[in-house]
N, C-alpha and C. Protein backbone atom coordinates (compact mmCIF):
# COMPACT_ATOMS: atom_id res chain seq x y z
N MET A 1 0.93 -1.08 0.33
CA MET A 1 -0.47 -0.21 0.59
C MET A 1 0.51 1.23 -0.63
N SER A 2 -0.03 2.28 -1.14
CA SER A 2 1.48 3.29 -0.98
C SER A 2 0.46 4.89 -0.36
N ARG A 3 0.67 5.71 0.21
CA ARG A 3 0.62 6.75 0.18
C ARG A 3 1.05 7.92 -0.30
N VAL A 4 -0.47 8.42 -1.02
CA VAL A 4 -0.18 9.51 -2.13
C VAL A 4 -1.31 10.73 -2.15
N VAL A 5 -0.47 11.67 -2.29
CA VAL A 5 -0.55 13.31 -2.34
C VAL A 5 -1.02 13.71 -4.00
N ILE A 6 -1.91 13.90 -4.18
CA ILE A 6 -2.77 15.14 -5.19
C ILE A 6 -2.20 16.57 -4.55
N VAL A 7 -1.94 17.05 -4.59
CA VAL A 7 -0.89 18.50 -4.48
C VAL A 7 -1.95 19.11 -5.58
N THR A 8 -2.72 20.29 -5.29
CA THR A 8 -3.42 21.12 -6.41
C THR A 8 -3.58 22.56 -6.07
N PRO A 9 -3.22 22.89 -7.04
CA PRO A 9 -3.74 24.91 -7.22
C PRO A 9 -5.13 24.80 -6.62
N HIS A 10 -6.47 24.21 -7.47
CA HIS A 10 -7.37 24.63 -7.29
C HIS A 10 -7.73 23.78 -7.39
N PRO A 11 -9.56 23.46 -6.35
CA PRO A 11 -10.19 21.74 -6.67
C PRO A 11 -10.44 22.55 -8.36
N ASP A 12 -10.51 20.98 -8.66
CA ASP A 12 -10.90 20.41 -9.75
C ASP A 12 -9.53 20.39 -11.41
N ASP A 13 -8.34 20.54 -10.28
CA ASP A 13 -7.08 19.81 -11.24
C ASP A 13 -7.36 19.34 -10.94
N GLU A 14 -7.59 17.91 -9.39
CA GLU A 14 -7.00 17.16 -8.66
C GLU A 14 -7.71 15.98 -10.59
N THR A 15 -9.08 16.23 -10.76
CA THR A 15 -10.11 15.62 -11.69
C THR A 15 -9.66 15.59 -13.19
N LEU A 16 -9.09 17.15 -13.67
CA LEU A 16 -9.22 17.07 -14.24
C LEU A 16 -7.70 15.84 -15.23
N GLY A 17 -6.22 16.65 -14.38
CA GLY A 17 -5.61 15.85 -13.81
C GLY A 17 -4.79 14.45 -13.54
N CYS A 18 -5.76 14.59 -12.88
CA CYS A 18 -5.50 12.73 -12.88
C CYS A 18 -6.25 12.12 -11.75
N GLY A 19 -7.45 12.91 -12.28
CA GLY A 19 -8.93 11.45 -11.83
C GLY A 19 -8.73 9.96 -11.83
N GLY A 20 -8.17 9.17 -13.02
CA GLY A 20 -9.10 8.39 -13.41
C GLY A 20 -7.29 7.67 -12.55
N THR A 21 -7.04 8.08 -12.34
CA THR A 21 -5.24 7.89 -11.71
C THR A 21 -6.03 7.37 -10.21
N ILE A 22 -6.29 8.87 -9.36
CA ILE A 22 -6.60 9.10 -8.12
C ILE A 22 -7.62 7.47 -7.77
N LEU A 23 -8.85 7.35 -8.39
CA LEU A 23 -9.77 5.71 -8.50
C LEU A 23 -9.05 4.83 -8.82
N LYS A 24 -7.83 4.84 -9.95
CA LYS A 24 -6.65 4.03 -9.62
C LYS A 24 -6.65 3.41 -8.06
N HIS A 25 -6.03 4.26 -8.17
CA HIS A 25 -4.53 4.29 -6.58
C HIS A 25 -6.20 3.14 -5.19
N ILE A 26 -6.82 4.11 -5.29
CA ILE A 26 -7.92 3.64 -4.84
C ILE A 26 -8.12 2.58 -4.75
N SER A 27 -8.60 2.63 -5.55
CA SER A 27 -9.06 0.55 -6.02
C SER A 27 -7.82 -0.05 -5.48
N ARG A 28 -6.63 0.39 -5.07
CA ARG A 28 -6.10 -0.58 -5.32
C ARG A 28 -5.37 -1.44 -3.51
N GLY A 29 -6.01 0.51 -2.89
CA GLY A 29 -6.52 0.25 -1.32
C GLY A 29 -5.17 0.55 -0.72
N ASP A 30 -4.91 1.64 -1.61
CA ASP A 30 -3.52 2.88 -1.20
C ASP A 30 -4.44 3.81 -1.00
N GLU A 31 -3.64 4.71 0.14
CA GLU A 31 -4.04 5.72 0.92
C GLU A 31 -3.99 6.83 -0.21
N VAL A 32 -4.98 7.93 -0.62
CA VAL A 32 -4.87 8.84 -1.06
C VAL A 32 -5.30 10.43 -0.43
N TYR A 33 -4.89 11.02 -0.47
CA TYR A 33 -4.93 12.33 0.50
C TYR A 33 -4.10 13.81 -0.99
N TRP A 34 -5.75 14.20 -0.65
CA TRP A 34 -6.08 15.88 -1.53
C TRP A 34 -5.48 16.62 -0.78
N LEU A 35 -4.68 17.46 -1.44
CA LEU A 35 -3.87 18.54 -0.37
C LEU A 35 -4.34 20.09 -1.61
N ILE A 36 -5.54 21.21 -1.34
CA ILE A 36 -5.91 21.95 -2.35
C ILE A 36 -5.69 22.90 -1.67
N VAL A 37 -4.32 23.75 -2.25
CA VAL A 37 -3.47 25.57 -2.21
C VAL A 37 -4.19 26.40 -1.36
N THR A 38 -5.55 26.71 -2.92
CA THR A 38 -5.87 27.96 -2.82
C THR A 38 -7.59 27.74 -2.63
N SER A 39 -8.30 28.72 -2.26
CA SER A 39 -9.87 29.15 -2.01
C SER A 39 -10.16 30.58 -3.15
N MET A 40 -12.03 30.80 -2.64
CA MET A 40 -11.71 31.44 -4.31
C MET A 40 -11.53 32.52 -3.12
N GLY A 41 -11.25 33.54 -2.69
CA GLY A 41 -11.10 34.05 -1.47
C GLY A 41 -12.01 35.61 -1.03
N ASP A 42 -11.70 37.02 -1.08
CA ASP A 42 -12.79 37.94 -0.65
C ASP A 42 -13.58 38.42 -1.58
N ARG A 43 -12.72 37.80 -3.32
CA ARG A 43 -13.54 39.14 -4.30
C ARG A 43 -14.49 37.94 -4.97
N PHE A 44 -14.51 37.30 -4.25
CA PHE A 44 -16.38 36.01 -4.32
C PHE A 44 -17.54 36.04 -3.47
N PRO A 45 -18.66 36.84 -3.71
CA PRO A 45 -19.50 36.08 -3.07
C PRO A 45 -19.39 34.80 -2.55
N ASP A 46 -20.79 35.59 -1.34
CA ASP A 46 -21.28 33.76 -0.09
C ASP A 46 -21.99 33.21 -1.07
N ASN A 47 -22.27 32.94 -1.66
CA ASN A 47 -22.66 31.72 -2.30
C ASN A 47 -21.99 31.32 -3.47
N ILE A 48 -21.24 31.53 -3.91
CA ILE A 48 -20.78 31.00 -4.95
C ILE A 48 -19.54 30.50 -3.65
N LYS A 49 -18.58 31.08 -3.32
CA LYS A 49 -17.82 29.72 -1.90
C LYS A 49 -18.75 29.06 -1.08
N ASP A 50 -19.64 29.49 -1.14
CA ASP A 50 -20.67 27.82 -0.93
C ASP A 50 -20.32 27.01 -1.38
N LYS A 51 -21.15 27.46 -2.70
CA LYS A 51 -21.42 26.54 -3.55
C LYS A 51 -20.05 25.86 -3.45
N ARG A 52 -19.21 26.80 -4.11
CA ARG A 52 -17.59 25.46 -4.56
C ARG A 52 -17.62 24.52 -2.75
N ASN A 53 -18.04 25.04 -1.92
CA ASN A 53 -17.17 24.40 -1.02
C ASN A 53 -18.10 22.50 -0.65
N LEU A 54 -18.96 22.94 -1.54
CA LEU A 54 -20.38 21.58 -1.56
C LEU A 54 -19.70 21.18 -2.33
N GLU A 55 -18.51 21.61 -2.95
CA GLU A 55 -18.42 20.69 -4.56
C GLU A 55 -17.40 20.08 -4.33
N ILE A 56 -16.27 20.53 -3.14
CA ILE A 56 -15.58 20.02 -2.63
C ILE A 56 -15.98 19.17 -1.71
N ILE A 57 -16.86 18.76 -1.16
CA ILE A 57 -17.16 17.87 0.06
C ILE A 57 -17.25 17.28 -0.61
N GLU A 58 -18.32 17.38 -1.90
CA GLU A 58 -19.44 16.53 -2.52
C GLU A 58 -18.12 15.12 -3.09
N VAL A 59 -16.86 15.65 -4.29
CA VAL A 59 -16.29 15.76 -4.82
C VAL A 59 -15.15 14.22 -4.42
N ALA A 60 -14.52 14.49 -2.99
CA ALA A 60 -13.66 14.06 -1.45
C ALA A 60 -15.05 12.85 -1.03
N LYS A 61 -15.97 12.90 -1.84
CA LYS A 61 -17.12 11.91 -1.25
C LYS A 61 -16.58 10.96 -2.19
N GLN A 62 -16.69 11.27 -3.46
CA GLN A 62 -16.72 10.68 -4.54
C GLN A 62 -15.70 9.76 -4.95
N TYR A 63 -14.33 9.98 -4.57
CA TYR A 63 -13.07 9.08 -4.10
C TYR A 63 -12.92 8.51 -3.44
N GLN A 64 -13.54 9.52 -1.79
CA GLN A 64 -13.07 8.05 -1.11
C GLN A 64 -11.52 8.43 -0.47
N PHE A 65 -11.19 9.96 -0.66
CA PHE A 65 -9.48 10.49 0.07
C PHE A 65 -9.53 9.55 1.68
N SER A 66 -8.65 10.13 2.02
CA SER A 66 -8.48 8.68 3.18
C SER A 66 -8.17 10.71 3.79
N ASP A 67 -8.04 11.99 2.92
CA ASP A 67 -8.79 13.10 4.09
C ASP A 67 -7.89 14.13 2.56
N VAL A 68 -8.71 15.00 3.60
CA VAL A 68 -8.54 16.26 2.91
C VAL A 68 -7.70 17.59 3.45
N TYR A 69 -7.64 18.52 2.39
CA TYR A 69 -6.63 19.47 3.52
C TYR A 69 -6.73 20.18 2.42
N GLN A 70 -7.10 22.07 2.99
CA GLN A 70 -6.98 22.86 2.52
C GLN A 70 -6.54 24.27 2.73
N LEU A 71 -5.49 24.86 1.88
CA LEU A 71 -4.07 25.46 2.75
C LEU A 71 -5.45 27.16 2.86
N ASN A 72 -6.29 27.53 2.43
CA ASN A 72 -6.71 28.58 2.39
C ASN A 72 -5.86 29.76 1.40
N GLN A 73 -5.13 29.46 0.70
CA GLN A 73 -4.24 30.59 -0.11
C GLN A 73 -5.69 31.52 -1.19
N ALA A 74 -5.46 32.28 -1.47
CA ALA A 74 -6.20 33.36 -1.88
C ALA A 74 -5.28 32.22 -3.72
N ALA A 75 -6.80 32.96 -4.03
CA ALA A 75 -6.38 31.78 -5.27
C ALA A 75 -5.95 33.44 -6.77
N SER A 76 -5.08 32.62 -7.16
CA SER A 76 -4.61 33.80 -8.92
C SER A 76 -3.29 35.16 -7.86
N GLN A 77 -3.28 35.02 -6.21
CA GLN A 77 -1.69 35.32 -5.63
C GLN A 77 -1.15 34.77 -5.16
N LEU A 78 -1.08 34.08 -5.26
CA LEU A 78 0.20 33.21 -4.88
C LEU A 78 2.23 33.50 -5.28
N ASP A 79 1.50 33.44 -6.29
CA ASP A 79 2.93 34.76 -6.57
C ASP A 79 3.42 35.97 -5.94
N SER A 80 2.44 36.39 -4.56
CA SER A 80 2.49 37.57 -3.99
C SER A 80 3.56 37.00 -2.83
N LEU A 81 2.64 35.75 -2.84
CA LEU A 81 2.56 34.69 -1.04
C LEU A 81 4.27 35.33 -0.62
N PRO A 82 4.54 35.14 -0.11
CA PRO A 82 6.26 34.27 -0.04
C PRO A 82 6.27 33.55 0.03
N LYS A 83 7.69 33.02 -0.30
CA LYS A 83 7.34 31.40 -0.99
C LYS A 83 7.61 30.61 0.10
N GLY A 84 8.53 31.33 1.08
CA GLY A 84 9.40 30.27 2.77
C GLY A 84 7.27 29.87 3.05
N GLU A 85 6.63 30.41 2.81
CA GLU A 85 4.91 30.64 3.62
C GLU A 85 4.79 30.15 3.25
N LEU A 86 4.90 29.75 1.95
CA LEU A 86 3.63 28.12 1.11
C LEU A 86 4.12 27.03 1.34
N ILE A 87 5.41 27.06 1.50
CA ILE A 87 6.35 25.72 1.29
C ILE A 87 6.43 24.87 2.46
N SER A 88 6.49 26.30 3.85
CA SER A 88 5.77 26.11 5.11
C SER A 88 4.87 25.22 5.56
N LYS A 89 3.83 25.49 5.08
CA LYS A 89 3.04 24.77 4.84
C LYS A 89 1.95 23.24 4.40
N ILE A 90 2.71 23.77 3.07
CA ILE A 90 3.14 22.02 2.53
C ILE A 90 3.80 21.35 3.32
N SER A 91 5.47 21.56 3.35
CA SER A 91 5.89 20.96 4.75
C SER A 91 4.96 20.42 5.37
N THR A 92 4.52 20.79 6.51
CA THR A 92 3.78 20.79 7.44
C THR A 92 2.61 19.64 6.57
N VAL A 93 1.65 19.80 5.58
CA VAL A 93 1.43 18.56 5.47
C VAL A 93 1.35 16.87 4.89
N PHE A 94 2.88 17.79 4.08
CA PHE A 94 4.16 16.64 4.10
C PHE A 94 4.24 15.43 5.49
N SER A 95 4.99 16.14 6.20
CA SER A 95 5.17 16.21 7.29
C SER A 95 4.47 14.69 8.06
N GLU A 96 2.82 15.11 7.82
CA GLU A 96 1.80 14.32 8.81
C GLU A 96 1.65 13.28 7.94
N VAL A 97 1.24 13.00 5.74
CA VAL A 97 0.74 11.77 5.92
C VAL A 97 1.85 11.01 5.25
N LYS A 98 3.10 11.74 5.31
CA LYS A 98 4.85 11.58 4.83
C LYS A 98 4.42 10.24 3.62
N PRO A 99 4.13 11.29 2.41
CA PRO A 99 3.55 10.05 1.68
C PRO A 99 4.73 9.87 0.49
N ASN A 100 4.06 8.47 0.04
CA ASN A 100 5.67 7.90 -0.77
C ASN A 100 5.20 8.58 -2.17
N VAL A 101 4.02 9.09 -2.93
CA VAL A 101 3.70 9.15 -4.38
C VAL A 101 2.81 10.86 -3.86
N VAL A 102 3.85 12.03 -4.64
CA VAL A 102 3.61 12.59 -4.68
C VAL A 102 2.56 13.50 -6.09
N TYR A 103 1.68 13.43 -7.10
CA TYR A 103 1.53 14.70 -8.35
C TYR A 103 0.63 16.08 -7.62
N VAL A 104 2.15 16.47 -8.88
CA VAL A 104 1.83 17.96 -8.98
C VAL A 104 1.57 18.17 -10.64
N PRO A 105 1.54 19.81 -10.15
CA PRO A 105 1.26 20.84 -11.35
C PRO A 105 1.68 20.80 -13.00
N TYR A 106 1.91 20.32 -14.00
CA TYR A 106 3.26 20.40 -14.45
C TYR A 106 3.75 22.69 -14.69
N PRO A 107 5.19 22.28 -14.31
CA PRO A 107 5.25 23.97 -13.93
C PRO A 107 5.33 24.83 -15.23
N SER A 108 5.57 24.72 -15.85
CA SER A 108 5.18 25.40 -16.90
C SER A 108 3.75 25.43 -17.21
N ASP A 109 3.10 25.25 -16.72
CA ASP A 109 1.77 25.96 -16.70
C ASP A 109 0.87 27.62 -16.86
N ILE A 110 0.52 27.68 -17.86
CA ILE A 110 -0.25 29.45 -17.88
C ILE A 110 -0.20 30.01 -16.62
N HIS A 111 -0.56 28.99 -15.68
CA HIS A 111 -2.12 29.77 -14.87
C HIS A 111 0.15 29.45 -13.55
N SER A 112 0.02 31.13 -12.74
CA SER A 112 1.29 31.59 -12.74
C SER A 112 0.62 30.69 -10.62
N ASP A 113 -0.57 30.33 -10.23
CA ASP A 113 -0.66 30.21 -9.83
C ASP A 113 0.04 27.83 -9.07
N HIS A 114 0.18 27.90 -10.57
CA HIS A 114 0.17 26.44 -10.86
C HIS A 114 2.42 26.27 -10.47
N LYS A 115 2.49 27.50 -11.61
CA LYS A 115 4.04 26.84 -10.84
C LYS A 115 4.67 27.55 -9.25
N GLU A 116 4.31 27.76 -9.31
CA GLU A 116 4.38 28.28 -7.20
C GLU A 116 3.89 27.66 -6.70
N VAL A 117 2.56 26.21 -6.90
CA VAL A 117 2.65 25.32 -6.05
C VAL A 117 3.67 24.25 -6.66
N PHE A 118 4.00 24.41 -7.67
CA PHE A 118 4.77 23.31 -7.99
C PHE A 118 6.08 23.29 -7.76
N GLU A 119 7.12 24.66 -7.59
CA GLU A 119 8.37 24.96 -7.00
C GLU A 119 7.82 24.46 -5.28
N ALA A 120 7.08 25.62 -4.85
CA ALA A 120 6.87 25.17 -3.65
C ALA A 120 6.92 23.38 -3.13
N THR A 121 5.88 22.89 -3.74
CA THR A 121 6.08 21.60 -3.33
C THR A 121 8.03 20.69 -3.68
N MET A 122 8.00 21.00 -4.60
CA MET A 122 9.29 20.79 -4.59
C MET A 122 10.65 21.01 -3.42
N ALA A 123 10.52 21.90 -3.42
CA ALA A 123 11.36 22.05 -1.47
C ALA A 123 11.00 21.61 -0.86
N CYS A 124 9.79 20.50 -0.79
CA CYS A 124 8.73 19.33 0.53
C CYS A 124 9.23 17.71 -0.35
N THR A 125 9.69 17.65 -0.65
CA THR A 125 10.17 16.55 -1.63
C THR A 125 11.81 15.62 -1.54
N LYS A 126 12.80 16.31 -0.29
CA LYS A 126 14.20 16.88 -0.47
C LYS A 126 14.93 15.55 0.27
N TRP A 127 15.57 14.28 -0.05
CA TRP A 127 14.95 12.81 0.36
C TRP A 127 15.76 12.81 1.75
N PHE A 128 16.54 13.91 1.88
CA PHE A 128 17.19 13.46 3.82
C PHE A 128 16.50 14.86 4.58
N ARG A 129 15.21 15.05 4.02
CA ARG A 129 13.70 15.81 4.96
C ARG A 129 12.87 15.15 4.52
N TYR A 130 13.39 14.83 3.67
CA TYR A 130 11.25 13.86 3.11
C TYR A 130 11.30 12.11 2.85
N PRO A 131 12.12 11.27 3.50
CA PRO A 131 12.95 10.07 3.36
C PRO A 131 10.92 9.47 2.54
N HIS A 132 10.82 9.44 3.11
CA HIS A 132 9.13 8.96 2.47
C HIS A 132 8.82 9.20 1.45
N VAL A 133 8.61 10.02 0.44
CA VAL A 133 8.81 10.54 -1.06
C VAL A 133 9.43 9.50 -2.40
N GLU A 134 9.36 8.77 -3.19
CA GLU A 134 9.44 7.95 -3.20
C GLU A 134 10.12 8.41 -4.70
N LYS A 135 8.49 8.70 -5.21
CA LYS A 135 8.30 9.07 -7.12
C LYS A 135 7.22 9.99 -6.75
N ILE A 136 7.36 11.11 -7.99
CA ILE A 136 6.53 12.56 -8.02
C ILE A 136 6.39 12.53 -9.54
N LEU A 137 5.65 12.91 -9.80
CA LEU A 137 4.93 12.91 -11.53
C LEU A 137 4.58 14.91 -11.89
N ALA A 138 3.99 14.64 -12.25
CA ALA A 138 3.96 16.67 -13.42
C ALA A 138 2.58 15.45 -14.05
N TYR A 139 1.19 16.46 -13.80
CA TYR A 139 -0.58 16.20 -14.59
C TYR A 139 0.19 17.50 -15.46
N GLU A 140 -0.72 16.79 -16.51
CA GLU A 140 -1.41 17.56 -17.43
C GLU A 140 -2.83 18.20 -16.99
N THR A 141 -2.66 19.60 -17.09
CA THR A 141 -3.82 20.39 -16.64
C THR A 141 -5.14 21.07 -18.16
N LEU A 142 -6.21 20.29 -18.32
CA LEU A 142 -6.64 21.32 -19.56
C LEU A 142 -7.10 22.67 -19.18
N SER A 143 -6.42 23.79 -20.69
CA SER A 143 -6.04 24.84 -20.44
C SER A 143 -5.46 25.26 -19.42
N GLU A 144 -4.64 24.98 -19.37
CA GLU A 144 -3.91 25.09 -18.41
C GLU A 144 -2.30 24.66 -19.10
N THR A 145 -2.71 24.07 -19.46
CA THR A 145 -1.35 23.39 -19.67
C THR A 145 -0.77 23.35 -21.07
N ASP A 146 -1.87 22.81 -22.35
CA ASP A 146 -1.97 23.16 -23.45
C ASP A 146 -1.82 25.21 -23.43
N PHE A 147 -2.57 25.76 -22.87
CA PHE A 147 -2.52 26.89 -23.04
C PHE A 147 -1.31 27.67 -22.98
N THR A 148 0.24 26.96 -22.53
CA THR A 148 0.77 27.25 -22.62
C THR A 148 1.69 28.08 -24.26
N ILE A 149 2.92 29.25 -23.42
CA ILE A 149 2.56 30.55 -24.94
C ILE A 149 4.57 31.25 -24.76
N ASP A 150 4.29 30.02 -24.05
CA ASP A 150 6.05 30.53 -23.24
C ASP A 150 6.85 29.79 -24.76
N PRO A 151 8.19 30.97 -25.08
CA PRO A 151 8.09 29.92 -26.38
C PRO A 151 10.32 29.14 -25.80
N ASP A 152 10.30 29.50 -24.63
CA ASP A 152 11.61 28.58 -23.50
C ASP A 152 10.79 28.00 -23.22
N ALA A 153 9.20 27.65 -22.95
CA ALA A 153 8.85 26.63 -22.70
C ALA A 153 9.68 24.94 -22.40
N ASN A 154 9.39 23.81 -22.54
CA ASN A 154 9.74 22.81 -23.14
C ASN A 154 8.91 22.18 -23.42
N GLY A 155 7.48 22.61 -22.49
CA GLY A 155 6.39 21.53 -23.01
C GLY A 155 5.86 19.92 -22.60
N PHE A 156 5.34 19.88 -21.84
CA PHE A 156 4.77 18.84 -21.78
C PHE A 156 5.09 17.72 -22.71
N ARG A 157 5.86 16.96 -21.97
CA ARG A 157 6.94 15.49 -22.44
C ARG A 157 6.41 14.60 -21.80
N PRO A 158 5.46 14.33 -21.93
CA PRO A 158 4.91 12.57 -20.79
C PRO A 158 5.49 11.06 -20.54
N ASN A 159 5.67 11.17 -20.09
CA ASN A 159 6.72 9.08 -20.27
C ASN A 159 6.23 8.08 -19.10
N VAL A 160 4.81 8.63 -19.32
CA VAL A 160 3.78 7.89 -17.44
C VAL A 160 3.11 7.68 -18.20
N PHE A 161 2.60 6.44 -18.49
CA PHE A 161 1.04 6.53 -18.82
C PHE A 161 -0.09 5.31 -18.14
N ILE A 162 -1.02 5.95 -17.76
CA ILE A 162 -2.06 4.99 -16.50
C ILE A 162 -2.71 4.63 -17.37
N ASN A 163 -2.85 3.69 -17.29
CA ASN A 163 -4.66 3.23 -17.96
C ASN A 163 -6.19 3.56 -17.67
N ILE A 164 -6.60 4.15 -17.82
CA ILE A 164 -7.58 4.42 -16.80
C ILE A 164 -8.80 4.57 -17.26
N SER A 165 -9.29 3.60 -18.72
CA SER A 165 -10.51 2.57 -19.31
C SER A 165 -11.23 2.57 -18.70
N GLN A 166 -11.50 2.34 -17.24
CA GLN A 166 -12.11 1.80 -16.51
C GLN A 166 -12.92 2.46 -15.75
N TYR A 167 -12.17 3.46 -15.61
CA TYR A 167 -12.54 4.50 -14.70
C TYR A 167 -12.70 6.28 -15.52
N LEU A 168 -12.99 5.56 -16.48
CA LEU A 168 -12.97 7.68 -17.61
C LEU A 168 -15.01 7.97 -16.67
N ARG A 169 -15.22 7.35 -17.24
CA ARG A 169 -16.67 7.28 -16.46
C ARG A 169 -17.20 8.19 -15.16
N LYS A 170 -16.69 7.33 -15.13
CA LYS A 170 -16.21 8.28 -13.68
C LYS A 170 -15.83 9.61 -13.05
N LYS A 171 -14.90 9.63 -14.22
CA LYS A 171 -14.07 10.92 -13.84
C LYS A 171 -14.24 11.94 -14.45
N ILE A 172 -15.53 11.28 -15.05
CA ILE A 172 -16.50 12.16 -16.32
C ILE A 172 -17.66 12.89 -14.84
N GLU A 173 -18.10 12.06 -14.43
CA GLU A 173 -19.59 11.73 -13.78
C GLU A 173 -18.90 13.46 -12.45
N ILE A 174 -17.02 12.90 -11.99
CA ILE A 174 -16.82 13.34 -10.76
C ILE A 174 -16.59 15.36 -11.68
N MET A 175 -15.59 15.44 -12.63
CA MET A 175 -15.92 16.74 -13.19
C MET A 175 -17.22 17.51 -13.30
N SER A 176 -18.73 16.64 -13.83
CA SER A 176 -19.68 17.60 -13.98
C SER A 176 -20.04 17.48 -12.77
N ILE A 177 -19.81 17.07 -11.62
CA ILE A 177 -19.98 17.76 -9.07
C ILE A 177 -19.44 19.79 -9.78
N TYR A 178 -18.04 19.58 -10.93
CA TYR A 178 -17.67 21.37 -11.06
C TYR A 178 -18.73 21.95 -11.83
N GLU A 179 -20.24 22.31 -11.69
CA GLU A 179 -20.61 22.95 -12.38
C GLU A 179 -20.51 24.46 -13.64
N SER A 180 -19.68 24.75 -12.66
CA SER A 180 -19.36 26.43 -13.16
C SER A 180 -17.97 25.69 -14.02
N GLU A 181 -17.38 24.71 -13.77
CA GLU A 181 -16.55 24.55 -14.82
C GLU A 181 -16.40 24.07 -15.91
N ILE A 182 -17.63 23.37 -16.17
CA ILE A 182 -17.86 22.72 -17.63
C ILE A 182 -18.78 23.22 -18.82
N GLU A 183 -18.21 23.54 -19.92
CA GLU A 183 -19.40 23.68 -20.43
C GLU A 183 -18.98 23.28 -22.45
N SER A 184 -19.93 24.08 -23.13
CA SER A 184 -20.30 23.05 -24.13
C SER A 184 -19.14 23.01 -25.22
N PHE A 185 -18.14 21.51 -25.70
CA PHE A 185 -17.20 21.67 -26.72
C PHE A 185 -17.05 22.34 -27.35
N PRO A 186 -16.14 23.86 -28.44
CA PRO A 186 -14.57 22.92 -28.09
C PRO A 186 -14.49 24.50 -26.30
N PHE A 187 -15.53 24.95 -25.47
CA PHE A 187 -14.51 25.05 -24.51
C PHE A 187 -13.67 24.08 -23.56
N PRO A 188 -11.86 23.92 -23.71
CA PRO A 188 -11.36 22.87 -22.97
C PRO A 188 -11.58 22.17 -22.09
N ARG A 189 -12.40 22.48 -20.91
CA ARG A 189 -13.06 21.60 -20.10
C ARG A 189 -14.09 21.90 -20.26
N SER A 190 -14.87 20.67 -21.23
CA SER A 190 -15.23 20.50 -21.39
C SER A 190 -15.59 18.93 -21.93
N VAL A 191 -16.41 17.80 -22.01
CA VAL A 191 -16.77 16.91 -21.34
C VAL A 191 -15.86 15.98 -22.74
N LYS A 192 -16.71 16.16 -23.97
CA LYS A 192 -15.84 16.43 -25.72
C LYS A 192 -14.46 16.47 -25.14
N ALA A 193 -13.98 17.26 -24.45
CA ALA A 193 -12.53 17.62 -24.48
C ALA A 193 -11.48 16.79 -23.29
N ILE A 194 -12.60 16.50 -22.61
CA ILE A 194 -11.30 15.86 -21.38
C ILE A 194 -11.26 14.04 -22.01
N GLU A 195 -12.75 13.57 -22.54
CA GLU A 195 -12.56 12.33 -23.47
C GLU A 195 -11.43 12.93 -24.56
N SER A 196 -11.43 13.17 -25.05
CA SER A 196 -10.45 13.33 -26.36
C SER A 196 -8.89 13.04 -25.81
N LEU A 197 -8.41 14.44 -24.64
CA LEU A 197 -7.35 14.19 -24.62
C LEU A 197 -7.42 12.38 -23.97
N ALA A 198 -7.91 11.99 -22.72
CA ALA A 198 -7.58 10.72 -22.33
C ALA A 198 -7.40 9.59 -23.46
N TYR A 199 -8.54 9.27 -24.37
CA TYR A 199 -8.36 8.74 -25.68
C TYR A 199 -6.60 8.85 -26.69
N VAL A 200 -6.69 10.65 -26.70
CA VAL A 200 -5.20 10.53 -27.38
C VAL A 200 -4.14 10.28 -26.51
N ARG A 201 -4.40 10.47 -25.39
CA ARG A 201 -3.23 9.42 -23.98
C ARG A 201 -2.95 7.93 -24.69
N GLY A 202 -4.43 7.24 -24.47
CA GLY A 202 -4.83 5.70 -24.77
C GLY A 202 -3.99 5.46 -26.05
N ALA A 203 -4.43 6.64 -27.17
CA ALA A 203 -3.30 5.65 -28.29
C ALA A 203 -1.93 5.85 -28.55
N ALA A 204 -1.46 6.85 -27.33
CA ALA A 204 0.07 6.93 -27.88
C ALA A 204 0.78 6.27 -26.75
N SER A 205 -0.31 5.04 -25.94
CA SER A 205 -0.18 3.76 -25.07
C SER A 205 -0.71 2.61 -24.68
N GLY A 206 -0.81 2.27 -26.29
CA GLY A 206 -2.34 1.59 -26.42
C GLY A 206 -3.47 0.58 -25.91
N VAL A 207 -3.60 2.12 -25.39
CA VAL A 207 -4.34 0.96 -24.27
C VAL A 207 -5.92 2.06 -24.69
N ASP A 208 -7.18 1.97 -24.57
CA ASP A 208 -8.69 2.50 -24.19
C ASP A 208 -8.57 4.24 -24.07
N ALA A 209 -8.43 4.40 -22.80
CA ALA A 209 -8.64 5.54 -22.28
C ALA A 209 -6.88 5.53 -21.11
N ALA A 210 -6.01 6.49 -21.60
CA ALA A 210 -5.53 7.01 -20.43
C ALA A 210 -5.53 8.53 -19.90
N GLU A 211 -4.16 9.29 -18.93
CA GLU A 211 -3.60 9.57 -18.06
C GLU A 211 -2.27 10.27 -18.33
N ALA A 212 -2.01 10.72 -18.74
CA ALA A 212 -0.11 10.93 -19.18
C ALA A 212 0.36 12.03 -18.22
N PHE A 213 2.00 12.15 -17.07
CA PHE A 213 2.40 12.29 -16.60
C PHE A 213 3.55 12.57 -16.91
N MET A 214 4.32 13.35 -16.75
CA MET A 214 6.20 12.98 -16.70
C MET A 214 6.57 12.51 -15.14
N LEU A 215 7.03 11.83 -14.89
CA LEU A 215 8.11 10.88 -13.55
C LEU A 215 9.25 12.19 -13.87
N LEU A 216 9.12 13.01 -12.88
CA LEU A 216 10.49 13.99 -12.49
C LEU A 216 11.70 13.37 -11.10
N LYS A 217 10.83 12.69 -10.78
CA LYS A 217 12.60 11.71 -9.81
C LYS A 217 11.61 10.27 -9.25
N GLU A 218 12.02 9.37 -9.25
CA GLU A 218 11.48 8.27 -8.64
C GLU A 218 13.11 7.73 -8.46
N ARG A 219 12.68 6.81 -6.79
CA ARG A 219 13.98 6.46 -5.85
C ARG A 219 13.75 4.83 -5.33
N ILE A 220 14.21 4.10 -6.14
CA ILE A 220 14.34 2.52 -5.94
C ILE A 220 15.25 2.63 -4.66
N LEU A 221 13.38 1.74 -3.62
CA LEU A 221 14.62 1.71 -2.56
C LEU A 221 14.66 -0.15 -1.64
């Protein structure tokens, strides 16, 4: 059994990037923890924030996470937060959970929150301070990873593919809980786009549907 942490800048990143993989981990008896770094903050009305909190509760219930951690940092403002403060908050969670496997957003995503979360998380994976971390994988997020326009970015080049053929329907069902995030195609967070990416990744790896990752580090103990 492994202890797995899904580190997400925002709610819905977990499902877009790793929804099928989360379901697969849990079906195998792994402990899976959800770390949500940001919340909506004061610029959103209370009714919208309350609805999002209910969505988070329902999503967590559907996945059956071992636990959910919310750092409640203001969304879209992580680049103004002292890096050490964010590292400290993530470190506290890692020290409690002691994860073996860590999933993180791709650092060149167009949203600055994704880059900040990646860099802070990487500071919490040094073997001499966090010896329990054995594997780190970066996931792709529709409308963030694929919208990168930085000419100096290497681009998302997956080298790990996880078969989610039997979990794709459930992934779509869970993503649909986030009502404000799903729209009709060609919106990138549409059912058709999510399915299409899964089929493309499946075709690249010889299965019906897959999620793709970049393996950043693996320690064979």
